[in-house]
Amino acid sequence: MTDDKRAILVTSFGTSYNENRAKTIEAIECQTAEKFPNWDVRRAFTSRMIIKKILERDGERIDYISDAMERLVSEGYEQVVVQPTHIMNGTEYDDVVRIVSEHCGNIPILRMGKPLLTTVEDYDELVDAMERSLLKEVADDEALVLMGHGSEHYANATYSQLQIKLWLAGHDNVFVTTVEGYPEFIDTISLMKGCGKNKVVLFPLMVVAGDHANNDMAGDEEDSLKSVLESQGYEVRCIVRGMGEYPEFRELFMDHIEAAVNSI
């Protein structure tokens, strides 16, 4: 066994919701430590705003991705795997890749794990994970709407690809929508008209149930997804839990870490 110092840096956007962070990001980190006991597990966030808020409110210091990388270099780590908890290969992931690549010459062995939805097989595995967990919480007379963040990045096509994969798997009562991308709420409502369901379950297609899940999805404001659907006559209930709370979804990230580790 090598004596090299080895670390897995779990990189997340972050959240200031302490309880949700413990149930999602921390749960992923803990599962990583259990699955890879010979590796040190470190944390980094990519949102400076969240890092600042937590520091000022709680006195807890969380590394930004560049700070975490510099710390690993200064502490002499020789093998590092950086695993993002991002859903897609979007702007946030691009930033992580850019920052990590700046340290290629400083850490002898450096690998990047892939976001949740990268390969075609990733989509199939996510649908399978949903079938073993989330979809069991949806009744036969209910439709399920998965609300993602959305982006202007071309990787926003991830949501449309997931929609097709779900339908091809026979889940014609499951729909994908976004807060800041495509499909928009109005597009999803148009697609739902033919499904024959007047009851809807909402779930955040996000690792953490933070502001978007609590406000844009489940909030009482008139432009929230819940309110928009209710205005269209749907009976709505919300599952305000991040994907990181489900062992089945966390295991998908473990598979990505394992692939990166095995590439060394």
C-alpha atoms as a PDB file:
ATOM      1  CA  MET A   1       0.000   0.000   0.000  1.00  0.00           C
ATOM      2  CA  THR A   2       1.318   3.442  -0.892  1.00  0.00           C
ATOM      3  CA  ASP A   3       2.373   5.865   1.831  1.00  0.00           C
ATOM      4  CA  ASP A   4       1.364   8.859  -0.300  1.00  0.00           C
ATOM      5  CA  LYS A   5      -0.914  11.393   1.330  1.00  0.00           C
ATOM      6  CA  ARG A   6      -4.252  11.048  -0.421  1.00  0.00           C
ATOM      7  CA  ALA A   7      -7.377  13.176  -0.292  1.00  0.00           C
ATOM      8  CA  ILE A   8     -10.821  13.351  -1.848  1.00  0.00           C
ATOM      9  CA  LEU A   9     -12.037  16.926  -2.070  1.00  0.00           C
ATOM     10  CA  VAL A  10     -15.846  16.959  -2.166  1.00  0.00           C
ATOM     11  CA  THR A  11     -16.772  20.207  -3.876  1.00  0.00           C
ATOM     12  CA  SER A  12     -20.289  21.618  -3.563  1.00  0.00           C
ATOM     13  CA  PHE A  13     -22.023  24.881  -4.354  1.00  0.00           C
ATOM     14  CA  GLY A  14     -22.893  25.017  -0.667  1.00  0.00           C
ATOM     15  CA  THR A  15     -25.870  26.027   1.438  1.00  0.00           C
ATOM     16  CA  SER A  16     -26.420  28.224   4.480  1.00  0.00           C
ATOM     17  CA  TYR A  17     -29.223  25.925   5.687  1.00  0.00           C
ATOM     18  CA  ASN A  18     -27.301  24.096   8.417  1.00  0.00           C
ATOM     19  CA  GLU A  19     -29.770  21.254   8.907  1.00  0.00           C
ATOM     20  CA  ASN A  20     -30.056  20.598   5.183  1.00  0.00           C
ATOM     21  CA  ARG A  21     -26.280  20.755   4.804  1.00  0.00           C
ATOM     22  CA  ALA A  22     -25.903  18.032   7.426  1.00  0.00           C
ATOM     23  CA  LYS A  23     -28.445  15.809   5.684  1.00  0.00           C
ATOM     24  CA  THR A  24     -27.001  16.232   2.196  1.00  0.00           C
ATOM     25  CA  ILE A  25     -23.481  17.565   1.668  1.00  0.00           C
ATOM     26  CA  GLU A  26     -22.207  16.197   4.968  1.00  0.00           C
ATOM     27  CA  ALA A  27     -23.958  12.885   4.305  1.00  0.00           C
ATOM     28  CA  ILE A  28     -22.147  12.610   0.964  1.00  0.00           C
ATOM     29  CA  GLU A  29     -18.843  13.419   2.656  1.00  0.00           C
ATOM     30  CA  CYS A  30     -19.445  10.842   5.395  1.00  0.00           C
ATOM     31  CA  GLN A  31     -20.379   8.168   2.878  1.00  0.00           C
ATOM     32  CA  THR A  32     -17.224   9.024   0.937  1.00  0.00           C
ATOM     33  CA  ALA A  33     -15.114   8.561   4.076  1.00  0.00           C
ATOM     34  CA  GLU A  34     -16.739   5.194   4.746  1.00  0.00           C
ATOM     35  CA  LYS A  35     -16.295   3.923   1.190  1.00  0.00           C
ATOM     36  CA  PHE A  36     -12.712   5.181   0.834  1.00  0.00           C
ATOM     37  CA  PRO A  37     -11.198   4.727   4.315  1.00  0.00           C
ATOM     38  CA  ASN A  38      -7.611   5.175   3.103  1.00  0.00           C
ATOM     39  CA  TRP A  39      -8.331   8.672   1.805  1.00  0.00           C
ATOM     40  CA  ASP A  40      -8.748  11.898   3.759  1.00  0.00           C
ATOM     41  CA  VAL A  41     -12.010  13.647   2.871  1.00  0.00           C
ATOM     42  CA  ARG A  42     -12.037  17.431   2.589  1.00  0.00           C
ATOM     43  CA  ARG A  43     -14.783  19.973   1.849  1.00  0.00           C
ATOM     44  CA  ALA A  44     -14.901  22.968  -0.483  1.00  0.00           C
ATOM     45  CA  PHE A  45     -17.720  25.274  -1.568  1.00  0.00           C
ATOM     46  CA  THR A  46     -17.908  27.249  -4.799  1.00  0.00           C
ATOM     47  CA  SER A  47     -20.240  29.973  -3.504  1.00  0.00           C
ATOM     48  CA  ARG A  48     -18.238  32.743  -1.850  1.00  0.00           C
ATOM     49  CA  MET A  49     -21.498  34.325  -0.698  1.00  0.00           C
ATOM     50  CA  ILE A  50     -22.503  31.220   1.248  1.00  0.00           C
ATOM     51  CA  ILE A  51     -18.992  30.829   2.676  1.00  0.00           C
ATOM     52  CA  LYS A  52     -19.102  34.460   3.896  1.00  0.00           C
ATOM     53  CA  LYS A  53     -22.587  34.071   5.376  1.00  0.00           C
ATOM     54  CA  ILE A  54     -21.675  30.935   7.344  1.00  0.00           C
ATOM     55  CA  LEU A  55     -18.467  32.517   8.632  1.00  0.00           C
ATOM     56  CA  GLU A  56     -20.220  35.688   9.792  1.00  0.00           C
ATOM     57  CA  ARG A  57     -23.248  33.912  11.265  1.00  0.00           C
ATOM     58  CA  ASP A  58     -21.719  30.755  12.734  1.00  0.00           C
ATOM     59  CA  GLY A  59     -17.994  31.442  12.895  1.00  0.00           C
ATOM     60  CA  GLU A  60     -17.407  28.336  10.775  1.00  0.00           C
ATOM     61  CA  ARG A  61     -14.778  28.644   8.064  1.00  0.00           C
ATOM     62  CA  ILE A  62     -15.321  26.639   4.867  1.00  0.00           C
ATOM     63  CA  ASP A  63     -12.745  26.686   2.090  1.00  0.00           C
ATOM     64  CA  TYR A  64     -13.437  28.086  -1.336  1.00  0.00           C
ATOM     65  CA  ILE A  65     -12.226  25.621  -3.986  1.00  0.00           C
ATOM     66  CA  SER A  66      -8.956  27.499  -4.641  1.00  0.00           C
ATOM     67  CA  ASP A  67      -8.228  27.765  -0.892  1.00  0.00           C
ATOM     68  CA  ALA A  68      -8.869  24.045  -0.453  1.00  0.00           C
ATOM     69  CA  MET A  69      -6.519  23.190  -3.309  1.00  0.00           C
ATOM     70  CA  GLU A  70      -3.786  25.458  -1.946  1.00  0.00           C
ATOM     71  CA  ARG A  71      -4.190  23.853   1.468  1.00  0.00           C
ATOM     72  CA  LEU A  72      -3.762  20.368  -0.028  1.00  0.00           C
ATOM     73  CA  VAL A  73      -0.617  21.515  -1.833  1.00  0.00           C
ATOM     74  CA  SER A  74       0.861  23.108   1.316  1.00  0.00           C
ATOM     75  CA  GLU A  75       0.131  19.975   3.348  1.00  0.00           C
ATOM     76  CA  GLY A  76       1.980  17.794   0.850  1.00  0.00           C
ATOM     77  CA  TYR A  77      -0.817  15.696  -0.612  1.00  0.00           C
ATOM     78  CA  GLU A  78       0.428  13.604  -3.510  1.00  0.00           C
ATOM     79  CA  GLN A  79      -2.838  12.068  -4.739  1.00  0.00           C
ATOM     80  CA  VAL A  80      -6.028  14.138  -4.919  1.00  0.00           C
ATOM     81  CA  VAL A  81      -9.438  13.377  -6.378  1.00  0.00           C
ATOM     82  CA  VAL A  82     -11.793  16.333  -6.708  1.00  0.00           C
ATOM     83  CA  GLN A  83     -15.430  15.226  -6.794  1.00  0.00           C
ATOM     84  CA  PRO A  84     -18.117  17.851  -7.493  1.00  0.00           C
ATOM     85  CA  THR A  85     -21.645  17.328  -6.225  1.00  0.00           C
ATOM     86  CA  HIS A  86     -23.007  19.245  -9.211  1.00  0.00           C
ATOM     87  CA  ILE A  87     -25.842  17.774 -11.250  1.00  0.00           C
ATOM     88  CA  MET A  88     -24.479  18.736 -14.664  1.00  0.00           C
ATOM     89  CA  ASN A  89     -21.356  19.895 -16.476  1.00  0.00           C
ATOM     90  CA  GLY A  90     -22.361  23.556 -16.300  1.00  0.00           C
ATOM     91  CA  THR A  91     -20.804  26.873 -15.324  1.00  0.00           C
ATOM     92  CA  GLU A  92     -20.039  25.842 -11.740  1.00  0.00           C
ATOM     93  CA  TYR A  93     -18.282  22.681 -12.898  1.00  0.00           C
ATOM     94  CA  ASP A  94     -16.321  24.625 -15.521  1.00  0.00           C
ATOM     95  CA  ASP A  95     -15.081  26.933 -12.763  1.00  0.00           C
ATOM     96  CA  VAL A  96     -14.002  23.985 -10.636  1.00  0.00           C
ATOM     97  CA  VAL A  97     -12.117  22.413 -13.553  1.00  0.00           C
ATOM     98  CA  ARG A  98     -10.382  25.723 -14.286  1.00  0.00           C
ATOM     99  CA  ILE A  99      -9.274  26.239 -10.686  1.00  0.00           C
ATOM    100  CA  VAL A 100      -8.209  22.628 -10.176  1.00  0.00           C
ATOM    101  CA  SER A 101      -6.232  22.604 -13.440  1.00  0.00           C
ATOM    102  CA  GLU A 102      -4.101  25.467 -12.115  1.00  0.00           C
ATOM    103  CA  HIS A 103      -2.642  22.995  -9.604  1.00  0.00           C
ATOM    104  CA  CYS A 104      -1.791  20.201 -12.032  1.00  0.00           C
ATOM    105  CA  GLY A 105       1.924  20.854 -11.548  1.00  0.00           C
ATOM    106  CA  ASN A 106       1.663  21.134  -7.756  1.00  0.00           C
ATOM    107  CA  ILE A 107       0.076  17.773  -6.944  1.00  0.00           C
ATOM    108  CA  PRO A 108       1.725  14.714  -8.541  1.00  0.00           C
ATOM    109  CA  ILE A 109      -1.527  12.816  -9.153  1.00  0.00           C
ATOM    110  CA  LEU A 110      -4.683  14.883  -9.615  1.00  0.00           C
ATOM    111  CA  ARG A 111      -8.007  13.575 -10.912  1.00  0.00           C
ATOM    112  CA  MET A 112     -11.460  15.120 -11.473  1.00  0.00           C
ATOM    113  CA  GLY A 113     -14.627  13.175 -10.788  1.00  0.00           C
ATOM    114  CA  LYS A 114     -17.591  13.848 -13.070  1.00  0.00           C
ATOM    115  CA  PRO A 115     -20.890  15.579 -12.199  1.00  0.00           C
ATOM    116  CA  LEU A 116     -23.957  13.428 -11.580  1.00  0.00           C
ATOM    117  CA  LEU A 117     -25.223  13.514 -15.171  1.00  0.00           C
ATOM    118  CA  THR A 118     -22.322  13.215 -17.593  1.00  0.00           C
ATOM    119  CA  THR A 119     -22.553   9.999 -19.629  1.00  0.00           C
ATOM    120  CA  VAL A 120     -25.613   8.362 -21.170  1.00  0.00           C
ATOM    121  CA  GLU A 121     -25.263   5.625 -18.562  1.00  0.00           C
ATOM    122  CA  ASP A 122     -25.457   8.239 -15.798  1.00  0.00           C
ATOM    123  CA  TYR A 123     -29.000   9.113 -16.859  1.00  0.00           C
ATOM    124  CA  ASP A 124     -30.046   5.459 -16.809  1.00  0.00           C
ATOM    125  CA  GLU A 125     -28.518   5.023 -13.360  1.00  0.00           C
ATOM    126  CA  LEU A 126     -30.290   8.134 -12.063  1.00  0.00           C
ATOM    127  CA  VAL A 127     -33.635   6.895 -13.367  1.00  0.00           C
ATOM    128  CA  ASP A 128     -32.946   3.527 -11.724  1.00  0.00           C
ATOM    129  CA  ALA A 129     -32.111   5.271  -8.435  1.00  0.00           C
ATOM    130  CA  MET A 130     -35.381   7.211  -8.672  1.00  0.00           C
ATOM    131  CA  GLU A 131     -37.293   3.986  -9.207  1.00  0.00           C
ATOM    132  CA  ARG A 132     -35.752   2.540  -6.045  1.00  0.00           C
ATOM    133  CA  SER A 133     -36.429   5.608  -3.918  1.00  0.00           C
ATOM    134  CA  LEU A 134     -38.263   8.799  -4.875  1.00  0.00           C
ATOM    135  CA  LEU A 135     -40.789   7.293  -7.262  1.00  0.00           C
ATOM    136  CA  LYS A 136     -42.012   4.995  -4.498  1.00  0.00           C
ATOM    137  CA  GLU A 137     -43.249   8.126  -2.708  1.00  0.00           C
ATOM    138  CA  VAL A 138     -45.493   9.100  -5.626  1.00  0.00           C
ATOM    139  CA  ALA A 139     -49.012   7.638  -5.801  1.00  0.00           C
ATOM    140  CA  ASP A 140     -50.558   6.265  -8.985  1.00  0.00           C
ATOM    141  CA  ASP A 141     -52.896   9.239  -9.238  1.00  0.00           C
ATOM    142  CA  GLU A 142     -50.070  11.781  -8.912  1.00  0.00           C
ATOM    143  CA  ALA A 143     -47.683  13.339 -11.392  1.00  0.00           C
ATOM    144  CA  LEU A 144     -44.131  14.119 -10.297  1.00  0.00           C
ATOM    145  CA  VAL A 145     -42.395  17.359 -11.260  1.00  0.00           C
ATOM    146  CA  LEU A 146     -38.629  17.532 -10.760  1.00  0.00           C
ATOM    147  CA  MET A 147     -37.448  21.128 -10.457  1.00  0.00           C
ATOM    148  CA  GLY A 148     -33.840  21.793 -11.445  1.00  0.00           C
ATOM    149  CA  HIS A 149     -31.916  25.034 -11.229  1.00  0.00           C
ATOM    150  CA  GLY A 150     -31.421  25.666 -14.941  1.00  0.00           C
ATOM    151  CA  SER A 151     -28.674  27.612 -16.656  1.00  0.00           C
ATOM    152  CA  GLU A 152     -27.748  29.683 -19.699  1.00  0.00           C
ATOM    153  CA  HIS A 153     -24.886  27.218 -20.173  1.00  0.00           C
ATOM    154  CA  TYR A 154     -25.294  24.759 -23.056  1.00  0.00           C
ATOM    155  CA  ALA A 155     -25.286  21.949 -20.477  1.00  0.00           C
ATOM    156  CA  ASN A 156     -28.872  23.023 -19.692  1.00  0.00           C
ATOM    157  CA  ALA A 157     -29.780  20.391 -22.313  1.00  0.00           C
ATOM    158  CA  THR A 158     -29.212  17.927 -19.458  1.00  0.00           C
ATOM    159  CA  TYR A 159     -32.775  18.537 -18.301  1.00  0.00           C
ATOM    160  CA  SER A 160     -34.310  17.737 -21.683  1.00  0.00           C
ATOM    161  CA  GLN A 161     -32.198  14.585 -21.962  1.00  0.00           C
ATOM    162  CA  LEU A 162     -33.337  13.466 -18.520  1.00  0.00           C
ATOM    163  CA  GLN A 163     -36.947  14.110 -19.518  1.00  0.00           C
ATOM    164  CA  ILE A 164     -36.591  11.869 -22.559  1.00  0.00           C
ATOM    165  CA  LYS A 165     -34.868   9.160 -20.528  1.00  0.00           C
ATOM    166  CA  LEU A 166     -37.695   9.199 -17.965  1.00  0.00           C
ATOM    167  CA  TRP A 167     -40.368   8.924 -20.625  1.00  0.00           C
ATOM    168  CA  LEU A 168     -38.544   6.144 -22.465  1.00  0.00           C
ATOM    169  CA  ALA A 169     -38.329   4.272 -19.152  1.00  0.00           C
ATOM    170  CA  GLY A 170     -42.126   4.388 -18.986  1.00  0.00           C
ATOM    171  CA  HIS A 171     -42.488   7.243 -16.504  1.00  0.00           C
ATOM    172  CA  ASP A 172     -44.926   9.339 -18.520  1.00  0.00           C
ATOM    173  CA  ASN A 173     -46.183  10.989 -15.309  1.00  0.00           C
ATOM    174  CA  VAL A 174     -42.768  12.504 -14.475  1.00  0.00           C
ATOM    175  CA  PHE A 175     -41.785  15.942 -15.743  1.00  0.00           C
ATOM    176  CA  VAL A 176     -38.619  18.038 -15.522  1.00  0.00           C
ATOM    177  CA  THR A 177     -38.700  21.825 -15.159  1.00  0.00           C
ATOM    178  CA  THR A 178     -36.232  24.562 -14.161  1.00  0.00           C
ATOM    179  CA  VAL A 179     -36.129  27.828 -12.245  1.00  0.00           C
ATOM    180  CA  GLU A 180     -33.644  29.664 -14.455  1.00  0.00           C
ATOM    181  CA  GLY A 181     -33.445  27.648 -17.657  1.00  0.00           C
ATOM    182  CA  TYR A 182     -35.471  25.495 -20.018  1.00  0.00           C
ATOM    183  CA  PRO A 183     -38.034  24.023 -19.684  1.00  0.00           C
ATOM    184  CA  GLU A 184     -39.694  26.907 -17.869  1.00  0.00           C
ATOM    185  CA  PHE A 185     -42.701  26.343 -15.609  1.00  0.00           C
ATOM    186  CA  ILE A 186     -45.120  27.268 -18.401  1.00  0.00           C
ATOM    187  CA  ASP A 187     -43.490  24.733 -20.748  1.00  0.00           C
ATOM    188  CA  THR A 188     -43.850  21.965 -18.192  1.00  0.00           C
ATOM    189  CA  ILE A 189     -47.489  22.816 -17.510  1.00  0.00           C
ATOM    190  CA  SER A 190     -48.130  22.550 -21.247  1.00  0.00           C
ATOM    191  CA  LEU A 191     -46.547  19.086 -21.326  1.00  0.00           C
ATOM    192  CA  MET A 192     -48.567  17.973 -18.299  1.00  0.00           C
ATOM    193  CA  LYS A 193     -51.946  18.689 -19.857  1.00  0.00           C
ATOM    194  CA  GLY A 194     -52.156  15.299 -21.501  1.00  0.00           C
ATOM    195  CA  CYS A 195     -51.060  13.172 -18.545  1.00  0.00           C
ATOM    196  CA  GLY A 196     -54.509  12.933 -16.944  1.00  0.00           C
ATOM    197  CA  LYS A 197     -53.340  13.785 -13.424  1.00  0.00           C
ATOM    198  CA  ASN A 198     -54.695  16.621 -11.307  1.00  0.00           C
ATOM    199  CA  LYS A 199     -52.504  15.858  -8.303  1.00  0.00           C
ATOM    200  CA  VAL A 200     -48.832  16.838  -8.436  1.00  0.00           C
ATOM    201  CA  VAL A 201     -45.805  16.103  -6.272  1.00  0.00           C
ATOM    202  CA  LEU A 202     -42.901  18.562  -6.458  1.00  0.00           C
ATOM    203  CA  PHE A 203     -39.297  17.559  -5.775  1.00  0.00           C
ATOM    204  CA  PRO A 204     -36.066  19.562  -6.162  1.00  0.00           C
ATOM    205  CA  LEU A 205     -33.658  18.073  -8.706  1.00  0.00           C
ATOM    206  CA  MET A 206     -30.878  19.445  -6.526  1.00  0.00           C
ATOM    207  CA  VAL A 207     -28.466  17.920  -4.042  1.00  0.00           C
ATOM    208  CA  VAL A 208     -29.561  20.353  -1.320  1.00  0.00           C
ATOM    209  CA  ALA A 209     -33.056  21.655  -0.535  1.00  0.00           C
ATOM    210  CA  GLY A 210     -32.027  25.283  -0.081  1.00  0.00           C
ATOM    211  CA  ASP A 211     -33.538  28.608  -1.137  1.00  0.00           C
ATOM    212  CA  HIS A 212     -34.734  27.383  -4.531  1.00  0.00           C
ATOM    213  CA  ALA A 213     -36.495  24.352  -3.063  1.00  0.00           C
ATOM    214  CA  ASN A 214     -38.056  26.224  -0.154  1.00  0.00           C
ATOM    215  CA  ASN A 215     -39.028  29.378  -2.046  1.00  0.00           C
ATOM    216  CA  ASP A 216     -39.061  28.947  -5.835  1.00  0.00           C
ATOM    217  CA  MET A 217     -40.562  25.484  -5.597  1.00  0.00           C
ATOM    218  CA  ALA A 218     -42.562  25.207  -2.375  1.00  0.00           C
ATOM    219  CA  GLY A 219     -43.052  28.869  -1.424  1.00  0.00           C
ATOM    220  CA  ASP A 220     -46.388  30.665  -1.184  1.00  0.00           C
ATOM    221  CA  GLU A 221     -45.403  33.532  -3.499  1.00  0.00           C
ATOM    222  CA  GLU A 222     -47.526  33.709  -6.647  1.00  0.00           C
ATOM    223  CA  ASP A 223     -44.584  32.905  -8.935  1.00  0.00           C
ATOM    224  CA  SER A 224     -43.448  29.773  -7.075  1.00  0.00           C
ATOM    225  CA  LEU A 225     -43.902  26.472  -8.878  1.00  0.00           C
ATOM    226  CA  LYS A 226     -46.406  25.369  -6.237  1.00  0.00           C
ATOM    227  CA  SER A 227     -48.506  28.519  -6.636  1.00  0.00           C
ATOM    228  CA  VAL A 228     -48.348  28.470 -10.437  1.00  0.00           C
ATOM    229  CA  LEU A 229     -49.582  24.866 -10.541  1.00  0.00           C
ATOM    230  CA  GLU A 230     -52.306  25.572  -7.983  1.00  0.00           C
ATOM    231  CA  SER A 231     -53.477  28.496 -10.118  1.00  0.00           C
ATOM    232  CA  GLN A 232     -53.906  25.981 -12.948  1.00  0.00           C
ATOM    233  CA  GLY A 233     -56.175  23.829 -10.780  1.00  0.00           C
ATOM    234  CA  TYR A 234     -53.665  21.221  -9.622  1.00  0.00           C
ATOM    235  CA  GLU A 235     -53.604  19.816  -6.106  1.00  0.00           C
ATOM    236  CA  VAL A 236     -49.968  20.130  -5.047  1.00  0.00           C
ATOM    237  CA  ARG A 237     -47.798  18.622  -2.336  1.00  0.00           C
ATOM    238  CA  CYS A 238     -44.068  19.179  -1.954  1.00  0.00           C
ATOM    239  CA  ILE A 239     -41.210  16.923  -0.937  1.00  0.00           C
ATOM    240  CA  VAL A 240     -38.690  19.459   0.324  1.00  0.00           C
ATOM    241  CA  ARG A 241     -35.698  17.167   0.557  1.00  0.00           C
ATOM    242  CA  GLY A 242     -32.448  17.378  -1.333  1.00  0.00           C
ATOM    243  CA  MET A 243     -31.233  14.472  -3.454  1.00  0.00           C
ATOM    244  CA  GLY A 244     -28.315  14.168  -1.064  1.00  0.00           C
ATOM    245  CA  GLU A 245     -30.687  12.852   1.610  1.00  0.00           C
ATOM    246  CA  TYR A 246     -31.259   9.665  -0.386  1.00  0.00           C
ATOM    247  CA  PRO A 247     -28.637   6.875  -0.132  1.00  0.00           C
ATOM    248  CA  GLU A 248     -29.510   5.822  -3.687  1.00  0.00           C
ATOM    249  CA  PHE A 249     -28.497   9.220  -5.084  1.00  0.00           C
ATOM    250  CA  ARG A 250     -25.408   9.498  -2.876  1.00  0.00           C
ATOM    251  CA  GLU A 251     -24.225   6.154  -4.199  1.00  0.00           C
ATOM    252  CA  LEU A 252     -24.125   7.587  -7.719  1.00  0.00           C
ATOM    253  CA  PHE A 253     -21.511  10.087  -6.556  1.00  0.00           C
ATOM    254  CA  MET A 254     -19.587   7.237  -4.923  1.00  0.00           C
ATOM    255  CA  ASP A 255     -19.473   5.516  -8.303  1.00  0.00           C
ATOM    256  CA  HIS A 256     -17.998   8.654  -9.869  1.00  0.00           C
ATOM    257  CA  ILE A 257     -15.370   8.922  -7.142  1.00  0.00           C
ATOM    258  CA  GLU A 258     -14.494   5.256  -7.592  1.00  0.00           C
ATOM    259  CA  ALA A 259     -14.047   5.783 -11.340  1.00  0.00           C
ATOM    260  CA  ALA A 260     -11.666   8.669 -10.649  1.00  0.00           C
ATOM    261  CA  VAL A 261      -9.742   6.690  -8.029  1.00  0.00           C
ATOM    262  CA  ASN A 262      -9.457   3.713 -10.376  1.00  0.00           C
ATOM    263  CA  SER A 263      -7.995   5.948 -13.093  1.00  0.00           C
ATOM    264  CA  ILE A 264      -4.898   6.543 -10.956  1.00  0.00           C
END
